[in-house]
Amino acid sequence: MHRYYIYILTNKLLTVLYIGVTNDLSRRVYEHRNKLVEGFTQKYNMSKLVHYEEYPSILEAIAREKQLKHWERKWKDELISKSNPEWKDLSEKWKVSTL
């Protein structure tokens, strides 16, 4: 069975959010954290995983990603706070290392 994820990253100051989709969440967080992904996440030092959701199909995950990208920041903050009130880095338990 395949698994697909939408995820939300932020920086240490919690000022910027990034929403993405992947089929390997641990690998993707590692890539962002180690700046292996050029662009927005690298520029804004997005390395803290604060929210993710799992889906059985890529189409569902992409639909959810698109939905969240159109949300107001306030709604995204509320979504994160609901499942992760302290905005902890959820990838810490996976021991996703940095360079």
Protein backbone atom coordinates (compact mmCIF):
# COMPACT_ATOMS: atom_id res chain seq x y z
CA MET A 1 0.00 0.00 0.00
CA HIS A 2 1.33 3.41 -0.96
CA ARG A 3 1.28 6.38 1.38
CA TYR A 4 1.39 10.02 0.44
CA TYR A 5 1.78 13.01 2.70
CA ILE A 6 1.11 16.69 2.73
CA TYR A 7 3.38 18.52 5.10
CA ILE A 8 3.92 21.98 6.52
CA LEU A 9 7.39 23.29 7.28
CA THR A 10 8.34 26.50 9.01
CA ASN A 11 11.51 28.27 10.03
CA LYS A 12 12.85 28.69 13.57
CA LEU A 13 11.01 32.00 14.02
CA LEU A 14 7.70 30.51 12.77
CA THR A 15 7.30 33.44 10.38
CA VAL A 16 6.94 31.56 7.09
CA LEU A 17 5.05 28.39 6.15
CA TYR A 18 5.70 25.98 3.30
CA ILE A 19 3.24 23.30 2.17
CA GLY A 20 4.39 20.34 0.12
CA VAL A 21 3.48 16.80 -0.90
CA THR A 22 5.65 13.66 -0.93
CA ASN A 23 5.60 9.89 -0.82
CA ASP A 24 8.52 9.73 1.65
CA LEU A 25 8.13 12.25 4.44
CA SER A 26 11.33 11.45 6.31
CA ARG A 27 13.45 11.72 3.15
CA ARG A 28 11.77 14.96 2.09
CA VAL A 29 12.29 16.63 5.47
CA TYR A 30 15.92 15.53 5.36
CA GLU A 31 16.29 17.12 1.91
CA HIS A 32 14.76 20.41 3.06
CA ARG A 33 16.74 20.49 6.30
CA ASN A 34 20.02 19.90 4.50
CA LYS A 35 19.17 22.45 1.80
CA LEU A 36 19.20 19.86 -0.97
CA VAL A 37 16.02 21.42 -2.39
CA GLU A 38 16.71 24.73 -4.12
CA GLY A 39 14.19 27.52 -3.94
CA PHE A 40 11.75 28.78 -1.34
CA THR A 41 12.55 26.36 1.49
CA GLN A 42 16.28 26.88 1.08
CA LYS A 43 15.95 30.67 0.89
CA TYR A 44 13.81 30.91 4.03
CA ASN A 45 15.57 28.13 5.99
CA MET A 46 12.48 25.96 6.27
CA SER A 47 13.51 23.00 8.40
CA LYS A 48 10.88 22.49 11.10
CA LEU A 49 8.08 20.00 10.36
CA VAL A 50 5.02 21.25 12.25
CA HIS A 51 2.16 19.37 10.53
CA TYR A 52 1.55 16.46 8.21
CA GLU A 53 -1.34 14.35 6.98
CA GLU A 54 -1.27 10.92 5.36
CA TYR A 55 -3.33 9.89 2.32
CA PRO A 56 -3.74 6.59 0.44
CA SER A 57 -3.62 8.19 -3.02
CA ILE A 58 -1.47 10.86 -4.61
CA LEU A 59 -4.57 12.56 -6.03
CA GLU A 60 -6.03 13.04 -2.54
CA ALA A 61 -2.73 14.37 -1.23
CA ILE A 62 -2.36 16.83 -4.11
CA ALA A 63 -5.96 18.00 -3.70
CA ARG A 64 -5.35 18.65 0.00
CA GLU A 65 -2.07 20.44 -0.73
CA LYS A 66 -3.82 22.75 -3.20
CA GLN A 67 -6.63 23.38 -0.72
CA LEU A 68 -4.22 24.34 2.08
CA LYS A 69 -2.18 26.59 -0.20
CA HIS A 70 -5.29 28.70 -0.76
CA TRP A 71 -6.09 29.01 2.93
CA GLU A 72 -5.50 32.19 4.91
CA ARG A 73 -2.50 32.12 7.22
CA LYS A 74 -4.79 32.27 10.26
CA TRP A 75 -6.51 29.02 9.20
CA LYS A 76 -3.17 27.28 8.66
CA ASP A 77 -1.99 28.42 12.10
CA GLU A 78 -5.18 27.04 13.65
CA LEU A 79 -4.76 23.71 11.85
CA ILE A 80 -1.20 23.36 13.13
CA SER A 81 -2.12 24.44 16.66
CA LYS A 82 -4.92 21.91 16.81
CA SER A 83 -2.63 18.92 16.26
CA ASN A 84 0.64 20.43 17.50
CA PRO A 85 -0.13 23.16 20.08
CA GLU A 86 3.51 23.87 20.88
CA TRP A 87 4.59 23.84 17.22
CA LYS A 88 7.25 21.25 18.01
CA ASP A 89 9.38 19.77 15.24
CA LEU A 90 7.54 16.51 14.55
CA SER A 91 10.54 15.04 12.74
CA GLU A 92 12.75 15.10 15.85
CA LYS A 93 11.55 11.62 16.79
CA TRP A 94 12.84 10.31 13.43
CA LYS A 95 16.36 11.62 14.08
CA VAL A 96 16.45 13.48 10.76
CA SER A 97 19.96 14.86 10.87
CA THR A 98 21.53 17.99 9.48
CA LEU A 99 24.87 18.45 7.78
